[in-house]
Amino acid sequence: MMNLLTRLPSWITSHWRTGAAVTGAIGIALICRRSLETDKARAERAQRMKEKEVRALADRISSYGRRVHLRYPTGDVVVGENDLAAQLRKRPDIVGTALNLLLGERKVQKAPLSGYWKLNV
């Protein structure tokens, strides 16, 4: 085992050109793939990325609600869209989309006051 560790640096220095060539080829292939992508495929990829971002934000909102409820167990957790957007450092429209996603899953309810939501924890 010790012999392998002493030979590893010399092997890396003698084969660095091969590693650089392989890395360059992979980079060129990725650039070509992106540049040859159609507008429809690009739009679909952007849509999938947005859906992933909204899903991740919805999960963060749910965990935020659970943490607040653990800290204050006797009351309801009510948040405002703008306050939550500032807390999570996201745009208010994305936070609204994530809250609407949670509304469909019945993890939140709209509060009587406009722009506020009650988190079901």
N, C-alpha and C. Protein backbone atom coordinates (compact mmCIF):
# COMPACT_ATOMS: atom_id res chain seq x y z
N MET A 1 0.83 -1.19 0.00
CA MET A 1 0.00 0.00 0.00
C MET A 1 0.88 1.25 0.00
N MET A 2 1.91 1.25 0.80
CA MET A 2 2.80 2.40 0.87
C MET A 2 3.53 2.61 -0.45
N ASN A 3 3.86 1.50 -1.11
CA ASN A 3 4.54 1.56 -2.38
C ASN A 3 3.65 2.25 -3.42
N LEU A 4 2.35 1.97 -3.39
CA LEU A 4 1.40 2.60 -4.32
C LEU A 4 1.34 4.10 -4.09
N LEU A 5 1.32 4.50 -2.83
CA LEU A 5 1.25 5.93 -2.52
C LEU A 5 2.50 6.68 -2.94
N THR A 6 3.62 6.02 -2.94
CA THR A 6 4.85 6.69 -3.37
C THR A 6 4.95 6.75 -4.88
N ARG A 7 4.34 5.80 -5.59
CA ARG A 7 4.39 5.80 -7.05
C ARG A 7 3.32 6.65 -7.69
N LEU A 8 2.25 6.97 -6.97
CA LEU A 8 1.12 7.72 -7.52
C LEU A 8 1.52 9.10 -8.06
N PRO A 9 2.26 9.92 -7.34
CA PRO A 9 2.64 11.23 -7.90
C PRO A 9 3.46 11.13 -9.18
N SER A 10 4.35 10.17 -9.26
CA SER A 10 5.14 10.04 -10.49
C SER A 10 4.28 9.56 -11.65
N TRP A 11 3.30 8.70 -11.38
CA TRP A 11 2.39 8.26 -12.45
C TRP A 11 1.55 9.42 -12.96
N ILE A 12 1.06 10.27 -12.05
CA ILE A 12 0.26 11.43 -12.45
C ILE A 12 1.09 12.39 -13.29
N THR A 13 2.31 12.65 -12.91
CA THR A 13 3.14 13.58 -13.69
C THR A 13 3.49 13.02 -15.05
N SER A 14 3.61 11.71 -15.17
CA SER A 14 3.95 11.14 -16.48
C SER A 14 2.74 10.99 -17.39
N HIS A 15 1.51 11.01 -16.86
CA HIS A 15 0.30 10.83 -17.67
C HIS A 15 -0.61 12.06 -17.69
N TRP A 16 -0.11 13.22 -17.36
CA TRP A 16 -0.97 14.40 -17.28
C TRP A 16 -1.48 14.81 -18.65
N ARG A 17 -0.73 14.55 -19.70
CA ARG A 17 -1.17 14.95 -21.05
C ARG A 17 -2.41 14.16 -21.46
N THR A 18 -2.44 12.90 -21.14
CA THR A 18 -3.61 12.08 -21.46
C THR A 18 -4.84 12.59 -20.72
N GLY A 19 -4.70 12.90 -19.47
CA GLY A 19 -5.81 13.43 -18.68
C GLY A 19 -6.31 14.75 -19.23
N ALA A 20 -5.38 15.61 -19.63
CA ALA A 20 -5.77 16.90 -20.20
C ALA A 20 -6.49 16.72 -21.52
N ALA A 21 -6.05 15.78 -22.34
CA ALA A 21 -6.69 15.53 -23.63
C ALA A 21 -8.10 14.99 -23.45
N VAL A 22 -8.28 14.07 -22.53
CA VAL A 22 -9.61 13.51 -22.27
C VAL A 22 -10.55 14.60 -21.73
N THR A 23 -10.07 15.40 -20.81
CA THR A 23 -10.89 16.49 -20.25
C THR A 23 -11.27 17.48 -21.33
N GLY A 24 -10.33 17.82 -22.20
CA GLY A 24 -10.63 18.74 -23.30
C GLY A 24 -11.65 18.17 -24.26
N ALA A 25 -11.54 16.89 -24.58
CA ALA A 25 -12.49 16.25 -25.49
C ALA A 25 -13.90 16.25 -24.90
N ILE A 26 -14.00 15.98 -23.63
CA ILE A 26 -15.31 15.99 -22.97
C ILE A 26 -15.89 17.40 -22.98
N GLY A 27 -15.06 18.40 -22.70
CA GLY A 27 -15.52 19.79 -22.74
C GLY A 27 -16.00 20.20 -24.12
N ILE A 28 -15.27 19.84 -25.15
CA ILE A 28 -15.67 20.16 -26.52
C ILE A 28 -16.98 19.47 -26.86
N ALA A 29 -17.15 18.21 -26.46
CA ALA A 29 -18.39 17.49 -26.73
C ALA A 29 -19.58 18.17 -26.06
N LEU A 30 -19.40 18.63 -24.82
CA LEU A 30 -20.49 19.30 -24.12
C LEU A 30 -20.84 20.64 -24.78
N ILE A 31 -19.83 21.37 -25.21
CA ILE A 31 -20.08 22.65 -25.88
C ILE A 31 -20.82 22.42 -27.20
N CYS A 32 -20.41 21.41 -27.95
CA CYS A 32 -21.08 21.11 -29.21
C CYS A 32 -22.53 20.69 -28.99
N ARG A 33 -22.74 19.92 -27.96
CA ARG A 33 -24.10 19.46 -27.66
C ARG A 33 -25.00 20.65 -27.34
N ARG A 34 -24.51 21.57 -26.53
CA ARG A 34 -25.30 22.75 -26.18
C ARG A 34 -25.54 23.66 -27.38
N SER A 35 -24.54 23.83 -28.23
CA SER A 35 -24.69 24.74 -29.37
C SER A 35 -25.57 24.16 -30.46
N LEU A 36 -25.64 22.84 -30.57
CA LEU A 36 -26.47 22.21 -31.59
C LEU A 36 -27.88 21.90 -31.09
N GLU A 37 -28.17 22.26 -29.87
CA GLU A 37 -29.47 21.99 -29.26
C GLU A 37 -30.54 22.86 -29.92
N THR A 38 -31.71 22.30 -30.18
CA THR A 38 -32.79 23.06 -30.80
C THR A 38 -33.44 23.99 -29.77
N ASP A 39 -34.19 24.96 -30.27
CA ASP A 39 -34.88 25.88 -29.36
C ASP A 39 -35.90 25.16 -28.50
N LYS A 40 -36.57 24.17 -29.08
CA LYS A 40 -37.56 23.41 -28.32
C LYS A 40 -36.90 22.64 -27.17
N ALA A 41 -35.78 21.99 -27.45
CA ALA A 41 -35.07 21.25 -26.42
C ALA A 41 -34.53 22.19 -25.35
N ARG A 42 -34.05 23.35 -25.78
CA ARG A 42 -33.54 24.35 -24.82
C ARG A 42 -34.66 24.84 -23.91
N ALA A 43 -35.85 25.07 -24.50
CA ALA A 43 -36.99 25.52 -23.69
C ALA A 43 -37.44 24.43 -22.72
N GLU A 44 -37.42 23.18 -23.17
CA GLU A 44 -37.81 22.07 -22.29
C GLU A 44 -36.81 21.93 -21.14
N ARG A 45 -35.52 22.08 -21.44
CA ARG A 45 -34.51 21.99 -20.38
C ARG A 45 -34.67 23.11 -19.38
N ALA A 46 -34.96 24.33 -19.88
CA ALA A 46 -35.17 25.46 -18.98
C ALA A 46 -36.41 25.23 -18.11
N GLN A 47 -37.46 24.66 -18.69
CA GLN A 47 -38.68 24.37 -17.93
C GLN A 47 -38.41 23.33 -16.84
N ARG A 48 -37.64 22.29 -17.18
CA ARG A 48 -37.30 21.27 -16.17
C ARG A 48 -36.48 21.88 -15.04
N MET A 49 -35.55 22.76 -15.38
CA MET A 49 -34.74 23.41 -14.34
C MET A 49 -35.61 24.28 -13.44
N LYS A 50 -36.58 24.99 -14.03
CA LYS A 50 -37.46 25.84 -13.23
C LYS A 50 -38.33 24.99 -12.31
N GLU A 51 -38.84 23.87 -12.82
CA GLU A 51 -39.64 22.97 -11.98
C GLU A 51 -38.82 22.42 -10.83
N LYS A 52 -37.56 22.06 -11.10
CA LYS A 52 -36.69 21.58 -10.03
C LYS A 52 -36.47 22.66 -8.98
N GLU A 53 -36.26 23.90 -9.44
CA GLU A 53 -36.03 25.01 -8.51
C GLU A 53 -37.27 25.26 -7.64
N VAL A 54 -38.46 25.20 -8.27
CA VAL A 54 -39.69 25.44 -7.51
C VAL A 54 -39.91 24.31 -6.51
N ARG A 55 -39.64 23.06 -6.91
CA ARG A 55 -39.82 21.93 -6.00
C ARG A 55 -38.86 22.04 -4.81
N ALA A 56 -37.62 22.41 -5.08
CA ALA A 56 -36.64 22.56 -4.01
C ALA A 56 -37.05 23.69 -3.07
N LEU A 57 -37.57 24.78 -3.62
CA LEU A 57 -38.02 25.90 -2.80
C LEU A 57 -39.23 25.49 -1.96
N ALA A 58 -40.14 24.72 -2.53
CA ALA A 58 -41.29 24.25 -1.77
C ALA A 58 -40.84 23.38 -0.60
N ASP A 59 -39.85 22.55 -0.82
CA ASP A 59 -39.31 21.72 0.27
C ASP A 59 -38.66 22.58 1.35
N ARG A 60 -37.95 23.64 0.92
CA ARG A 60 -37.34 24.55 1.90
C ARG A 60 -38.40 25.27 2.71
N ILE A 61 -39.50 25.66 2.07
CA ILE A 61 -40.59 26.34 2.79
C ILE A 61 -41.21 25.40 3.81
N SER A 62 -41.42 24.15 3.42
CA SER A 62 -41.99 23.17 4.36
C SER A 62 -41.07 22.96 5.56
N SER A 63 -39.78 22.82 5.30
CA SER A 63 -38.87 22.60 6.42
C SER A 63 -38.76 23.86 7.29
N TYR A 64 -38.85 25.04 6.68
CA TYR A 64 -38.86 26.29 7.45
C TYR A 64 -40.08 26.32 8.37
N GLY A 65 -41.24 25.91 7.85
CA GLY A 65 -42.44 25.87 8.67
C GLY A 65 -42.32 24.90 9.83
N ARG A 66 -41.71 23.74 9.58
CA ARG A 66 -41.51 22.77 10.67
C ARG A 66 -40.57 23.31 11.73
N ARG A 67 -39.49 23.99 11.29
CA ARG A 67 -38.54 24.55 12.27
C ARG A 67 -39.21 25.63 13.13
N VAL A 68 -40.01 26.48 12.51
CA VAL A 68 -40.68 27.54 13.27
C VAL A 68 -41.69 26.92 14.22
N HIS A 69 -42.39 25.88 13.76
CA HIS A 69 -43.37 25.24 14.63
C HIS A 69 -42.70 24.54 15.81
N LEU A 70 -41.52 23.98 15.61
CA LEU A 70 -40.79 23.38 16.73
C LEU A 70 -40.37 24.43 17.74
N ARG A 71 -40.05 25.61 17.25
CA ARG A 71 -39.63 26.69 18.16
C ARG A 71 -40.83 27.25 18.91
N TYR A 72 -41.97 27.40 18.23
CA TYR A 72 -43.19 27.94 18.84
C TYR A 72 -44.34 26.95 18.63
N PRO A 73 -44.43 25.91 19.45
CA PRO A 73 -45.37 24.81 19.18
C PRO A 73 -46.84 25.13 19.43
N THR A 74 -47.16 26.21 20.11
CA THR A 74 -48.56 26.44 20.46
C THR A 74 -49.34 27.19 19.39
N GLY A 75 -48.69 27.88 18.49
CA GLY A 75 -49.40 28.70 17.52
C GLY A 75 -49.28 28.18 16.09
N ASP A 76 -50.03 28.84 15.18
CA ASP A 76 -49.95 28.52 13.77
C ASP A 76 -48.76 29.25 13.15
N VAL A 77 -48.27 28.70 12.07
CA VAL A 77 -47.16 29.32 11.35
C VAL A 77 -47.77 30.06 10.16
N VAL A 78 -47.75 31.38 10.21
CA VAL A 78 -48.29 32.22 9.14
C VAL A 78 -47.15 33.05 8.59
N VAL A 79 -46.99 33.01 7.25
CA VAL A 79 -45.90 33.74 6.61
C VAL A 79 -46.46 34.59 5.47
N GLY A 80 -45.78 35.70 5.22
CA GLY A 80 -46.10 36.53 4.07
C GLY A 80 -45.18 36.18 2.92
N GLU A 81 -45.70 36.31 1.70
CA GLU A 81 -44.91 35.95 0.53
C GLU A 81 -43.63 36.79 0.45
N ASN A 82 -43.77 38.10 0.63
CA ASN A 82 -42.60 38.98 0.51
C ASN A 82 -41.59 38.74 1.63
N ASP A 83 -42.09 38.52 2.85
CA ASP A 83 -41.19 38.24 3.97
C ASP A 83 -40.45 36.92 3.76
N LEU A 84 -41.19 35.92 3.27
CA LEU A 84 -40.59 34.61 3.03
C LEU A 84 -39.57 34.69 1.89
N ALA A 85 -39.87 35.49 0.87
CA ALA A 85 -38.93 35.67 -0.24
C ALA A 85 -37.63 36.33 0.26
N ALA A 86 -37.76 37.30 1.13
CA ALA A 86 -36.57 37.94 1.69
C ALA A 86 -35.80 36.97 2.59
N GLN A 87 -36.51 36.18 3.37
CA GLN A 87 -35.88 35.21 4.27
C GLN A 87 -35.10 34.16 3.48
N LEU A 88 -35.69 33.67 2.36
CA LEU A 88 -35.07 32.61 1.58
C LEU A 88 -34.22 33.15 0.43
N ARG A 89 -34.18 34.46 0.29
CA ARG A 89 -33.40 35.13 -0.77
C ARG A 89 -33.81 34.66 -2.16
N LYS A 90 -35.11 34.66 -2.40
CA LYS A 90 -35.68 34.29 -3.69
C LYS A 90 -36.64 35.38 -4.14
N ARG A 91 -36.99 35.36 -5.42
CA ARG A 91 -37.94 36.35 -5.93
C ARG A 91 -39.35 36.02 -5.43
N PRO A 92 -40.18 37.04 -5.14
CA PRO A 92 -41.53 36.79 -4.62
C PRO A 92 -42.41 35.96 -5.57
N ASP A 93 -42.23 36.11 -6.89
CA ASP A 93 -43.07 35.33 -7.81
C ASP A 93 -42.74 33.84 -7.74
N ILE A 94 -41.48 33.50 -7.56
CA ILE A 94 -41.09 32.08 -7.43
C ILE A 94 -41.61 31.53 -6.11
N VAL A 95 -41.55 32.34 -5.05
CA VAL A 95 -42.08 31.90 -3.76
C VAL A 95 -43.59 31.68 -3.87
N GLY A 96 -44.29 32.56 -4.57
CA GLY A 96 -45.73 32.38 -4.78
C GLY A 96 -46.04 31.10 -5.54
N THR A 97 -45.22 30.80 -6.55
CA THR A 97 -45.41 29.56 -7.31
C THR A 97 -45.19 28.34 -6.41
N ALA A 98 -44.16 28.39 -5.59
CA ALA A 98 -43.88 27.27 -4.68
C ALA A 98 -45.01 27.11 -3.66
N LEU A 99 -45.54 28.23 -3.16
CA LEU A 99 -46.65 28.16 -2.20
C LEU A 99 -47.91 27.59 -2.87
N ASN A 100 -48.15 27.94 -4.13
CA ASN A 100 -49.28 27.37 -4.84
C ASN A 100 -49.10 25.87 -5.07
N LEU A 101 -47.86 25.44 -5.29
CA LEU A 101 -47.57 24.01 -5.40
C LEU A 101 -47.89 23.31 -4.09
N LEU A 102 -47.49 23.92 -2.97
CA LEU A 102 -47.80 23.35 -1.65
C LEU A 102 -49.29 23.39 -1.36
N LEU A 103 -49.99 24.38 -1.91
CA LEU A 103 -51.44 24.46 -1.74
C LEU A 103 -52.11 23.27 -2.39
N GLY A 104 -51.62 22.87 -3.56
CA GLY A 104 -52.15 21.68 -4.23
C GLY A 104 -51.88 20.41 -3.45
N GLU A 105 -50.82 20.39 -2.69
CA GLU A 105 -50.49 19.23 -1.86
C GLU A 105 -51.11 19.34 -0.47
N ARG A 106 -51.85 20.38 -0.22
CA ARG A 106 -52.53 20.66 1.05
C ARG A 106 -51.55 20.80 2.22
N LYS A 107 -50.38 21.36 1.93
CA LYS A 107 -49.41 21.62 2.99
C LYS A 107 -49.48 23.06 3.47
N VAL A 108 -50.24 23.91 2.75
CA VAL A 108 -50.45 25.29 3.15
C VAL A 108 -51.91 25.65 2.90
N GLN A 109 -52.34 26.73 3.54
CA GLN A 109 -53.66 27.30 3.30
C GLN A 109 -53.50 28.79 3.14
N LYS A 110 -54.38 29.39 2.35
CA LYS A 110 -54.34 30.84 2.23
C LYS A 110 -54.92 31.45 3.50
N ALA A 111 -54.24 32.44 4.02
CA ALA A 111 -54.71 33.15 5.20
C ALA A 111 -55.72 34.21 4.76
N PRO A 112 -56.57 34.67 5.67
CA PRO A 112 -57.56 35.68 5.31
C PRO A 112 -56.94 36.98 4.77
N LEU A 113 -55.76 37.31 5.24
CA LEU A 113 -55.09 38.52 4.79
C LEU A 113 -54.37 38.25 3.47
N SER A 114 -54.52 39.12 2.52
CA SER A 114 -53.94 38.94 1.19
C SER A 114 -52.42 38.87 1.25
N GLY A 115 -51.84 37.86 0.56
CA GLY A 115 -50.40 37.71 0.52
C GLY A 115 -49.82 36.91 1.66
N TYR A 116 -50.67 36.38 2.54
CA TYR A 116 -50.19 35.60 3.67
C TYR A 116 -50.71 34.17 3.57
N TRP A 117 -49.92 33.25 4.09
CA TRP A 117 -50.21 31.83 4.00
C TRP A 117 -50.01 31.19 5.38
N LYS A 118 -50.87 30.20 5.68
CA LYS A 118 -50.73 29.42 6.91
C LYS A 118 -50.12 28.08 6.50
N LEU A 119 -48.98 27.75 7.12
CA LEU A 119 -48.30 26.50 6.81
C LEU A 119 -48.84 25.40 7.70
N ASN A 120 -49.28 24.30 7.10
CA ASN A 120 -49.79 23.16 7.86
C ASN A 120 -48.61 22.28 8.23
N VAL A 121 -48.32 22.23 9.51
CA VAL A 121 -47.17 21.41 9.96
C VAL A 121 -47.62 20.34 10.90
